[in-house]
Amino acid sequence: THGGQLCIPFYGALVTNCGIDRARVKGLHRHDSAY
């Protein structure tokens, strides 16, 4: 995802370049039972 690569401060990524949502474009999150 490159974390969105070009982001807006206090807003975050505009795109993810795949099916993942913007909120999980980088970092540690959950997906169902997994980290």
Full PDB file with SEQRES, HELIX, SHEET, SSBOND, CRYST1, ORIGX, SCALE, CONECT and MASTER records, all heavy atoms in Angstrom:
SEQRES   1 A   35  THR HIS GLY GLY GLN LEU CYS ILE PRO PHE TYR GLY ALA          
SEQRES   2 A   35  LEU VAL THR ASN CYS GLY ILE ASP ARG ALA ARG VAL LYS          
SEQRES   3 A   35  GLY LEU HIS ARG HIS ASP SER ALA TYR                          
HELIX    1 AA1 HIS A    2  GLY A    4  5                                   3    
HELIX    2 AA2 ARG A   22  ARG A   24  5                                   3    
SHEET    1 AA1 2 CYS A   7  ILE A   8  0                                        
SHEET    2 AA1 2 GLY A  12  ALA A  13 -1                                        
CRYST1    1.000    1.000    1.000  90.00  90.00  90.00 P 1           1          
ORIGX1      1.000000  0.000000  0.000000        0.00000                         
ORIGX2      0.000000  1.000000  0.000000        0.00000                         
ORIGX3      0.000000  0.000000  1.000000        0.00000                         
SCALE1      1.000000  0.000000  0.000000        0.00000                         
SCALE2      0.000000  1.000000  0.000000        0.00000                         
SCALE3      0.000000  0.000000  1.000000        0.00000                         
ATOM      1  N   THR A   1       0.798  -1.225   0.000  1.00  0.00           N  
ATOM      2  CA  THR A   1       0.000   0.000   0.000  1.00  0.00           C  
ATOM      3  C   THR A   1       0.831   1.275   0.000  1.00  0.00           C  
ATOM      4  O   THR A   1       0.313   2.337  -0.328  1.00  0.00           O  
ATOM      5  CB  THR A   1      -0.911   0.050   1.235  1.00  0.00           C  
ATOM      6  OG1 THR A   1      -0.093   0.147   2.410  1.00  0.00           O  
ATOM      7  CG2 THR A   1      -1.784  -1.191   1.321  1.00  0.00           C  
ATOM      8  N   HIS A   2       2.088   1.196   0.403  1.00  0.00           N  
ATOM      9  CA  HIS A   2       2.932   2.376   0.620  1.00  0.00           C  
ATOM     10  C   HIS A   2       2.305   3.324   1.646  1.00  0.00           C  
ATOM     11  O   HIS A   2       2.639   4.521   1.681  1.00  0.00           O  
ATOM     12  CB  HIS A   2       3.210   3.138  -0.676  1.00  0.00           C  
ATOM     13  CG  HIS A   2       4.019   2.363  -1.669  1.00  0.00           C  
ATOM     14  ND1 HIS A   2       4.585   2.939  -2.783  1.00  0.00           N  
ATOM     15  CD2 HIS A   2       4.358   1.048  -1.731  1.00  0.00           C  
ATOM     16  CE1 HIS A   2       5.222   2.015  -3.491  1.00  0.00           C  
ATOM     17  NE2 HIS A   2       5.101   0.859  -2.861  1.00  0.00           N  
ATOM     18  N   GLY A   3       1.386   2.808   2.443  1.00  0.00           N  
ATOM     19  CA  GLY A   3       0.708   3.653   3.429  1.00  0.00           C  
ATOM     20  C   GLY A   3      -0.157   4.733   2.812  1.00  0.00           C  
ATOM     21  O   GLY A   3      -0.607   5.643   3.493  1.00  0.00           O  
ATOM     22  N   GLY A   4      -0.419   4.603   1.512  1.00  0.00           N  
ATOM     23  CA  GLY A   4      -1.118   5.657   0.781  1.00  0.00           C  
ATOM     24  C   GLY A   4      -0.171   6.538  -0.001  1.00  0.00           C  
ATOM     25  O   GLY A   4      -0.565   7.184  -0.973  1.00  0.00           O  
ATOM     26  N   GLN A   5       1.073   6.630   0.456  1.00  0.00           N  
ATOM     27  CA  GLN A   5       2.182   7.360  -0.172  1.00  0.00           C  
ATOM     28  C   GLN A   5       1.994   8.874  -0.147  1.00  0.00           C  
ATOM     29  O   GLN A   5       2.857   9.595   0.335  1.00  0.00           O  
ATOM     30  CB  GLN A   5       2.444   6.874  -1.596  1.00  0.00           C  
ATOM     31  CG  GLN A   5       3.745   7.429  -2.168  1.00  0.00           C  
ATOM     32  CD  GLN A   5       4.216   6.697  -3.409  1.00  0.00           C  
ATOM     33  OE1 GLN A   5       3.988   5.513  -3.599  1.00  0.00           O  
ATOM     34  NE2 GLN A   5       4.885   7.430  -4.288  1.00  0.00           N  
ATOM     35  N   LEU A   6       0.890   9.379  -0.653  1.00  0.00           N  
ATOM     36  CA  LEU A   6       0.570  10.804  -0.575  1.00  0.00           C  
ATOM     37  C   LEU A   6      -0.666  10.947   0.303  1.00  0.00           C  
ATOM     38  O   LEU A   6      -1.773  10.599  -0.113  1.00  0.00           O  
ATOM     39  CB  LEU A   6       0.314  11.380  -1.966  1.00  0.00           C  
ATOM     40  CG  LEU A   6       1.487  11.315  -2.944  1.00  0.00           C  
ATOM     41  CD1 LEU A   6       1.069  11.835  -4.313  1.00  0.00           C  
ATOM     42  CD2 LEU A   6       2.685  12.099  -2.422  1.00  0.00           C  
ATOM     43  N   CYS A   7      -0.457  11.422   1.503  1.00  0.00           N  
ATOM     44  CA  CYS A   7      -1.533  11.496   2.488  1.00  0.00           C  
ATOM     45  C   CYS A   7      -1.821  12.946   2.858  1.00  0.00           C  
ATOM     46  O   CYS A   7      -1.022  13.847   2.580  1.00  0.00           O  
ATOM     47  CB  CYS A   7      -1.157  10.701   3.744  1.00  0.00           C  
ATOM     48  SG  CYS A   7      -0.870   8.944   3.420  1.00  0.00           S  
ATOM     49  N   ILE A   8      -2.948  13.151   3.464  1.00  0.00           N  
ATOM     50  CA  ILE A   8      -3.346  14.478   3.931  1.00  0.00           C  
ATOM     51  C   ILE A   8      -3.216  14.502   5.454  1.00  0.00           C  
ATOM     52  O   ILE A   8      -3.793  13.639   6.129  1.00  0.00           O  
ATOM     53  CB  ILE A   8      -4.793  14.803   3.520  1.00  0.00           C  
ATOM     54  CG1 ILE A   8      -4.895  14.838   1.998  1.00  0.00           C  
ATOM     55  CG2 ILE A   8      -5.246  16.134   4.117  1.00  0.00           C  
ATOM     56  CD1 ILE A   8      -6.302  15.056   1.484  1.00  0.00           C  
ATOM     57  N   PRO A   9      -2.445  15.435   6.003  1.00  0.00           N  
ATOM     58  CA  PRO A   9      -2.310  15.493   7.465  1.00  0.00           C  
ATOM     59  C   PRO A   9      -3.672  15.558   8.155  1.00  0.00           C  
ATOM     60  O   PRO A   9      -4.581  16.265   7.709  1.00  0.00           O  
ATOM     61  CB  PRO A   9      -1.502  16.773   7.680  1.00  0.00           C  
ATOM     62  CG  PRO A   9      -0.717  16.946   6.413  1.00  0.00           C  
ATOM     63  CD  PRO A   9      -1.626  16.457   5.325  1.00  0.00           C  
ATOM     64  N   PHE A  10      -3.799  14.779   9.235  1.00  0.00           N  
ATOM     65  CA  PHE A  10      -5.021  14.698  10.054  1.00  0.00           C  
ATOM     66  C   PHE A  10      -6.186  14.011   9.345  1.00  0.00           C  
ATOM     67  O   PHE A  10      -7.260  13.889   9.903  1.00  0.00           O  
ATOM     68  CB  PHE A  10      -5.462  16.087  10.555  1.00  0.00           C  
ATOM     69  CG  PHE A  10      -4.360  16.857  11.211  1.00  0.00           C  
ATOM     70  CD1 PHE A  10      -3.819  17.979  10.600  1.00  0.00           C  
ATOM     71  CD2 PHE A  10      -3.837  16.452  12.434  1.00  0.00           C  
ATOM     72  CE1 PHE A  10      -2.795  18.695  11.200  1.00  0.00           C  
ATOM     73  CE2 PHE A  10      -2.807  17.162  13.032  1.00  0.00           C  
ATOM     74  CZ  PHE A  10      -2.279  18.281  12.418  1.00  0.00           C  
ATOM     75  N   TYR A  11      -5.955  13.559   8.107  1.00  0.00           N  
ATOM     76  CA  TYR A  11      -6.988  12.817   7.386  1.00  0.00           C  
ATOM     77  C   TYR A  11      -6.492  11.419   7.042  1.00  0.00           C  
ATOM     78  O   TYR A  11      -7.180  10.430   7.251  1.00  0.00           O  
ATOM     79  CB  TYR A  11      -7.392  13.557   6.111  1.00  0.00           C  
ATOM     80  CG  TYR A  11      -8.414  12.805   5.267  1.00  0.00           C  
ATOM     81  CD1 TYR A  11      -9.762  12.817   5.619  1.00  0.00           C  
ATOM     82  CD2 TYR A  11      -8.012  12.078   4.140  1.00  0.00           C  
ATOM     83  CE1 TYR A  11     -10.694  12.114   4.850  1.00  0.00           C  
ATOM     84  CE2 TYR A  11      -8.935  11.379   3.380  1.00  0.00           C  
ATOM     85  CZ  TYR A  11     -10.277  11.400   3.736  1.00  0.00           C  
ATOM     86  OH  TYR A  11     -11.188  10.702   2.985  1.00  0.00           O  
ATOM     87  N   GLY A  12      -5.257  11.356   6.515  1.00  0.00           N  
ATOM     88  CA  GLY A  12      -4.676  10.068   6.191  1.00  0.00           C  
ATOM     89  C   GLY A  12      -4.632   9.795   4.709  1.00  0.00           C  
ATOM     90  O   GLY A  12      -4.648  10.712   3.880  1.00  0.00           O  
ATOM     91  N   ALA A  13      -4.591   8.506   4.371  1.00  0.00           N  
ATOM     92  CA  ALA A  13      -4.434   8.086   2.987  1.00  0.00           C  
ATOM     93  C   ALA A  13      -5.685   8.401   2.171  1.00  0.00           C  
ATOM     94  O   ALA A  13      -6.808   8.302   2.657  1.00  0.00           O  
ATOM     95  CB  ALA A  13      -4.143   6.590   2.934  1.00  0.00           C  
ATOM     96  N   LEU A  14      -5.454   8.746   0.918  1.00  0.00           N  
ATOM     97  CA  LEU A  14      -6.559   8.924  -0.019  1.00  0.00           C  
ATOM     98  C   LEU A  14      -6.935   7.599  -0.667  1.00  0.00           C  
ATOM     99  O   LEU A  14      -8.105   7.372  -0.973  1.00  0.00           O  
ATOM    100  CB  LEU A  14      -6.167   9.938  -1.094  1.00  0.00           C  
ATOM    101  CG  LEU A  14      -5.889  11.367  -0.611  1.00  0.00           C  
ATOM    102  CD1 LEU A  14      -5.342  12.203  -1.753  1.00  0.00           C  
ATOM    103  CD2 LEU A  14      -7.147  11.990  -0.048  1.00  0.00           C  
ATOM    104  N   VAL A  15      -5.938   6.745  -0.891  1.00  0.00           N  
ATOM    105  CA  VAL A  15      -6.155   5.470  -1.577  1.00  0.00           C  
ATOM    106  C   VAL A  15      -5.292   4.403  -0.923  1.00  0.00           C  
ATOM    107  O   VAL A  15      -4.331   4.697  -0.210  1.00  0.00           O  
ATOM    108  CB  VAL A  15      -5.804   5.571  -3.081  1.00  0.00           C  
ATOM    109  CG1 VAL A  15      -6.736   6.532  -3.794  1.00  0.00           C  
ATOM    110  CG2 VAL A  15      -4.350   5.996  -3.269  1.00  0.00           C  
ATOM    111  N   THR A  16      -5.624   3.128  -1.196  1.00  0.00           N  
ATOM    112  CA  THR A  16      -4.822   2.015  -0.702  1.00  0.00           C  
ATOM    113  C   THR A  16      -4.240   1.162  -1.826  1.00  0.00           C  
ATOM    114  O   THR A  16      -3.388   0.328  -1.579  1.00  0.00           O  
ATOM    115  CB  THR A  16      -5.665   1.105   0.213  1.00  0.00           C  
ATOM    116  OG1 THR A  16      -6.675   0.464  -0.567  1.00  0.00           O  
ATOM    117  CG2 THR A  16      -6.315   1.905   1.332  1.00  0.00           C  
ATOM    118  N   ASN A  17      -4.709   1.341  -3.044  1.00  0.00           N  
ATOM    119  CA  ASN A  17      -4.265   0.586  -4.225  1.00  0.00           C  
ATOM    120  C   ASN A  17      -4.553  -0.913  -4.105  1.00  0.00           C  
ATOM    121  O   ASN A  17      -3.878  -1.735  -4.710  1.00  0.00           O  
ATOM    122  CB  ASN A  17      -2.777   0.827  -4.503  1.00  0.00           C  
ATOM    123  CG  ASN A  17      -2.387   0.415  -5.922  1.00  0.00           C  
ATOM    124  OD1 ASN A  17      -3.218   0.427  -6.826  1.00  0.00           O  
ATOM    125  ND2 ASN A  17      -1.136   0.039  -6.104  1.00  0.00           N  
ATOM    126  N   CYS A  18      -5.529  -1.266  -3.292  1.00  0.00           N  
ATOM    127  CA  CYS A  18      -5.974  -2.655  -3.188  1.00  0.00           C  
ATOM    128  C   CYS A  18      -7.312  -2.641  -2.449  1.00  0.00           C  
ATOM    129  O   CYS A  18      -7.905  -1.574  -2.238  1.00  0.00           O  
ATOM    130  CB  CYS A  18      -4.951  -3.533  -2.463  1.00  0.00           C  
ATOM    131  SG  CYS A  18      -4.677  -3.098  -0.741  1.00  0.00           S  
ATOM    132  N   GLY A  19      -7.793  -3.792  -2.018  1.00  0.00           N  
ATOM    133  CA  GLY A  19      -9.117  -3.861  -1.417  1.00  0.00           C  
ATOM    134  C   GLY A  19      -9.196  -3.493   0.050  1.00  0.00           C  
ATOM    135  O   GLY A  19     -10.303  -3.379   0.584  1.00  0.00           O  
ATOM    136  N   ILE A  20      -8.056  -3.292   0.702  1.00  0.00           N  
ATOM    137  CA  ILE A  20      -8.085  -2.955   2.129  1.00  0.00           C  
ATOM    138  C   ILE A  20      -8.650  -1.548   2.309  1.00  0.00           C  
ATOM    139  O   ILE A  20      -8.498  -0.681   1.438  1.00  0.00           O  
ATOM    140  CB  ILE A  20      -6.670  -3.070   2.743  1.00  0.00           C  
ATOM    141  CG1 ILE A  20      -6.719  -3.177   4.268  1.00  0.00           C  
ATOM    142  CG2 ILE A  20      -5.798  -1.902   2.348  1.00  0.00           C  
ATOM    143  CD1 ILE A  20      -7.164  -4.515   4.754  1.00  0.00           C  
ATOM    144  N   ASP A  21      -9.311  -1.298   3.429  1.00  0.00           N  
ATOM    145  CA  ASP A  21      -9.878   0.027   3.693  1.00  0.00           C  
ATOM    146  C   ASP A  21      -8.797   1.009   4.105  1.00  0.00           C  
ATOM    147  O   ASP A  21      -7.715   0.628   4.558  1.00  0.00           O  
ATOM    148  CB  ASP A  21     -10.938  -0.082   4.800  1.00  0.00           C  
ATOM    149  CG  ASP A  21     -10.417  -0.824   6.018  1.00  0.00           C  
ATOM    150  OD1 ASP A  21     -10.307  -2.074   5.951  1.00  0.00           O  
ATOM    151  OD2 ASP A  21     -10.112  -0.170   7.025  1.00  0.00           O  
ATOM    152  N   ARG A  22      -9.088   2.292   3.972  1.00  0.00           N  
ATOM    153  CA  ARG A  22      -8.100   3.336   4.270  1.00  0.00           C  
ATOM    154  C   ARG A  22      -7.648   3.310   5.728  1.00  0.00           C  
ATOM    155  O   ARG A  22      -6.495   3.626   6.026  1.00  0.00           O  
ATOM    156  CB  ARG A  22      -8.664   4.719   3.954  1.00  0.00           C  
ATOM    157  CG  ARG A  22      -8.823   5.022   2.473  1.00  0.00           C  
ATOM    158  CD  ARG A  22      -9.126   6.506   2.246  1.00  0.00           C  
ATOM    159  NE  ARG A  22     -10.194   6.992   3.095  1.00  0.00           N  
ATOM    160  CZ  ARG A  22     -10.022   7.731   4.190  1.00  0.00           C  
ATOM    161  NH1 ARG A  22      -8.808   8.065   4.595  1.00  0.00           N  
ATOM    162  NH2 ARG A  22     -11.064   8.132   4.888  1.00  0.00           N  
ATOM    163  N   ALA A  23      -8.536   2.933   6.637  1.00  0.00           N  
ATOM    164  CA  ALA A  23      -8.194   2.940   8.056  1.00  0.00           C  
ATOM    165  C   ALA A  23      -7.082   1.944   8.378  1.00  0.00           C  
ATOM    166  O   ALA A  23      -6.379   2.091   9.383  1.00  0.00           O  
ATOM    167  CB  ALA A  23      -9.428   2.636   8.902  1.00  0.00           C  
ATOM    168  N   ARG A  24      -6.913   0.932   7.530  1.00  0.00           N  
ATOM    169  CA  ARG A  24      -5.893  -0.090   7.784  1.00  0.00           C  
ATOM    170  C   ARG A  24      -4.809  -0.081   6.707  1.00  0.00           C  
ATOM    171  O   ARG A  24      -4.188  -1.106   6.449  1.00  0.00           O  
ATOM    172  CB  ARG A  24      -6.553  -1.466   7.883  1.00  0.00           C  
ATOM    173  CG  ARG A  24      -7.508  -1.591   9.061  1.00  0.00           C  
ATOM    174  CD  ARG A  24      -8.048  -3.011   9.202  1.00  0.00           C  
ATOM    175  NE  ARG A  24      -8.865  -3.397   8.048  1.00  0.00           N  
ATOM    176  CZ  ARG A  24      -9.256  -4.645   7.798  1.00  0.00           C  
ATOM    177  NH1 ARG A  24      -8.897  -5.629   8.605  1.00  0.00           N  
ATOM    178  NH2 ARG A  24     -10.011  -4.904   6.746  1.00  0.00           N  
ATOM    179  N   VAL A  25      -4.561   1.073   6.130  1.00  0.00           N  
ATOM    180  CA  VAL A  25      -3.589   1.169   5.047  1.00  0.00           C  
ATOM    181  C   VAL A  25      -2.167   0.932   5.546  1.00  0.00           C  
ATOM    182  O   VAL A  25      -1.271   0.582   4.769  1.00  0.00           O  
ATOM    183  CB  VAL A  25      -3.711   2.536   4.348  1.00  0.00           C  
ATOM    184  CG1 VAL A  25      -3.206   3.677   5.238  1.00  0.00           C  
ATOM    185  CG2 VAL A  25      -3.006   2.536   2.997  1.00  0.00           C  
ATOM    186  N   LYS A  26      -1.916   1.091   6.833  1.00  0.00           N  
ATOM    187  CA  LYS A  26      -0.615   0.776   7.426  1.00  0.00           C  
ATOM    188  C   LYS A  26      -0.810   0.556   8.919  1.00  0.00           C  
ATOM    189  O   LYS A  26      -1.827   0.942   9.505  1.00  0.00           O  
ATOM    190  CB  LYS A  26       0.389   1.907   7.188  1.00  0.00           C  
ATOM    191  CG  LYS A  26       0.035   3.216   7.862  1.00  0.00           C  
ATOM    192  CD  LYS A  26       1.095   4.276   7.589  1.00  0.00           C  
ATOM    193  CE  LYS A  26       0.725   5.605   8.247  1.00  0.00           C  
ATOM    194  NZ  LYS A  26       1.741   6.645   7.984  1.00  0.00           N  
ATOM    195  N   GLY A  27       0.175  -0.084   9.535  1.00  0.00           N  
ATOM    196  CA  GLY A  27       0.157  -0.268  10.979  1.00  0.00           C  
ATOM    197  C   GLY A  27      -0.469  -1.588  11.407  1.00  0.00           C  
ATOM    198  O   GLY A  27      -0.734  -2.473  10.597  1.00  0.00           O  
ATOM    199  N   LEU A  28      -0.697  -1.704  12.709  1.00  0.00           N  
ATOM    200  CA  LEU A  28      -1.202  -2.932  13.315  1.00  0.00           C  
ATOM    201  C   LEU A  28      -2.698  -2.806  13.574  1.00  0.00           C  
ATOM    202  O   LEU A  28      -3.152  -1.864  14.214  1.00  0.00           O  
ATOM    203  CB  LEU A  28      -0.460  -3.203  14.624  1.00  0.00           C  
ATOM    204  CG  LEU A  28      -0.814  -4.510  15.328  1.00  0.00           C  
ATOM    205  CD1 LEU A  28      -0.344  -5.709  14.510  1.00  0.00           C  
ATOM    206  CD2 LEU A  28      -0.191  -4.541  16.723  1.00  0.00           C  
ATOM    207  N   HIS A  29      -3.449  -3.769  13.074  1.00  0.00           N  
ATOM    208  CA  HIS A  29      -4.902  -3.768  13.209  1.00  0.00           C  
ATOM    209  C   HIS A  29      -5.363  -5.212  13.418  1.00  0.00           C  
ATOM    210  O   HIS A  29      -4.565  -6.135  13.574  1.00  0.00           O  
ATOM    211  CB  HIS A  29      -5.556  -3.165  11.959  1.00  0.00           C  
ATOM    212  CG  HIS A  29      -5.111  -1.761  11.680  1.00  0.00           C  
ATOM    213  ND1 HIS A  29      -5.652  -0.659  12.311  1.00  0.00           N  
ATOM    214  CD2 HIS A  29      -4.142  -1.286  10.840  1.00  0.00           C  
ATOM    215  CE1 HIS A  29      -5.052   0.428  11.871  1.00  0.00           C  
ATOM    216  NE2 HIS A  29      -4.151   0.092  10.982  1.00  0.00           N  
ATOM    217  N   ARG A  30      -6.666  -5.430  13.399  1.00  0.00           N  
ATOM    218  CA  ARG A  30      -7.235  -6.766  13.458  1.00  0.00           C  
ATOM    219  C   ARG A  30      -7.945  -7.081  12.149  1.00  0.00           C  
ATOM    220  O   ARG A  30      -8.459  -6.184  11.479  1.00  0.00           O  
ATOM    221  CB  ARG A  30      -8.248  -6.882  14.617  1.00  0.00           C  
ATOM    222  CG  ARG A  30      -7.671  -6.676  16.001  1.00  0.00           C  
ATOM    223  CD  ARG A  30      -6.572  -7.667  16.318  1.00  0.00           C  
ATOM    224  NE  ARG A  30      -7.017  -9.061  16.334  1.00  0.00           N  
ATOM    225  CZ  ARG A  30      -7.373  -9.725  17.430  1.00  0.00           C  
ATOM    226  NH1 ARG A  30      -7.355  -9.121  18.615  1.00  0.00           N  
ATOM    227  NH2 ARG A  30      -7.736 -10.989  17.365  1.00  0.00           N  
ATOM    228  N   HIS A  31      -7.948  -8.366  11.807  1.00  0.00           N  
ATOM    229  CA  HIS A  31      -8.805  -8.865  10.732  1.00  0.00           C  
ATOM    230  C   HIS A  31      -9.415 -10.155  11.236  1.00  0.00           C  
ATOM    231  O   HIS A  31      -8.719 -11.171  11.363  1.00  0.00           O  
ATOM    232  CB  HIS A  31      -8.039  -9.091   9.429  1.00  0.00           C  
ATOM    233  CG  HIS A  31      -8.955  -9.416   8.289  1.00  0.00           C  
ATOM    234  ND1 HIS A  31      -9.480  -8.438   7.466  1.00  0.00           N  
ATOM    235  CD2 HIS A  31      -9.493 -10.591   7.863  1.00  0.00           C  
ATOM    236  CE1 HIS A  31     -10.270  -8.999   6.566  1.00  0.00           C  
ATOM    237  NE2 HIS A  31     -10.311 -10.310   6.791  1.00  0.00           N  
ATOM    238  N   ASP A  32     -10.693 -10.102  11.534  1.00  0.00           N  
ATOM    239  CA  ASP A  32     -11.374 -11.234  12.157  1.00  0.00           C  
ATOM    240  C   ASP A  32     -10.607 -11.633  13.416  1.00  0.00           C  
ATOM    241  O   ASP A  32     -10.357 -10.794  14.259  1.00  0.00           O  
ATOM    242  CB  ASP A  32     -11.526 -12.387  11.157  1.00  0.00           C  
ATOM    243  CG  ASP A  32     -12.391 -12.013   9.958  1.00  0.00           C  
ATOM    244  OD1 ASP A  32     -13.188 -11.055  10.082  1.00  0.00           O  
ATOM    245  OD2 ASP A  32     -12.276 -12.664   8.910  1.00  0.00           O  
ATOM    246  N   SER A  33     -10.185 -12.895  13.519  1.00  0.00           N  
ATOM    247  CA  SER A  33      -9.505 -13.354  14.729  1.00  0.00           C  
ATOM    248  C   SER A  33      -8.007 -13.090  14.720  1.00  0.00           C  
ATOM    249  O   SER A  33      -7.316 -13.368  15.712  1.00  0.00           O  
ATOM    250  CB  SER A  33      -9.741 -14.864  14.899  1.00  0.00           C  
ATOM    251  OG  SER A  33      -9.235 -15.577  13.775  1.00  0.00           O  
ATOM    252  N   ALA A  34      -7.474 -12.566  13.627  1.00  0.00           N  
ATOM    253  CA  ALA A  34      -6.024 -12.412  13.476  1.00  0.00           C  
ATOM    254  C   ALA A  34      -5.592 -10.963  13.664  1.00  0.00           C  
ATOM    255  O   ALA A  34      -6.363 -10.020  13.450  1.00  0.00           O  
ATOM    256  CB  ALA A  34      -5.597 -12.900  12.098  1.00  0.00           C  
ATOM    257  N   TYR A  35      -4.333 -10.794  14.031  1.00  0.00           N  
ATOM    258  CA  TYR A  35      -3.687  -9.487  13.955  1.00  0.00           C  
ATOM    259  C   TYR A  35      -3.149  -9.307  12.535  1.00  0.00           C  
ATOM    260  O   TYR A  35      -2.666 -10.257  11.908  1.00  0.00           O  
ATOM    261  CB  TYR A  35      -2.535  -9.370  14.949  1.00  0.00           C  
ATOM    262  CG  TYR A  35      -2.995  -9.119  16.364  1.00  0.00           C  
ATOM    263  CD1 TYR A  35      -3.226 -10.184  17.228  1.00  0.00           C  
ATOM    264  CD2 TYR A  35      -3.215  -7.827  16.825  1.00  0.00           C  
ATOM    265  CE1 TYR A  35      -3.657  -9.964  18.529  1.00  0.00           C  
ATOM    266  CE2 TYR A  35      -3.646  -7.595  18.123  1.00  0.00           C  
ATOM    267  CZ  TYR A  35      -3.870  -8.662  18.977  1.00  0.00           C  
ATOM    268  OH  TYR A  35      -4.314  -8.436  20.250  1.00  0.00           O  
TER     269      TYR A  35                                                      
MASTER        0    0    0    2    2    0    0    6  268    1    0    3          
END                                                                             
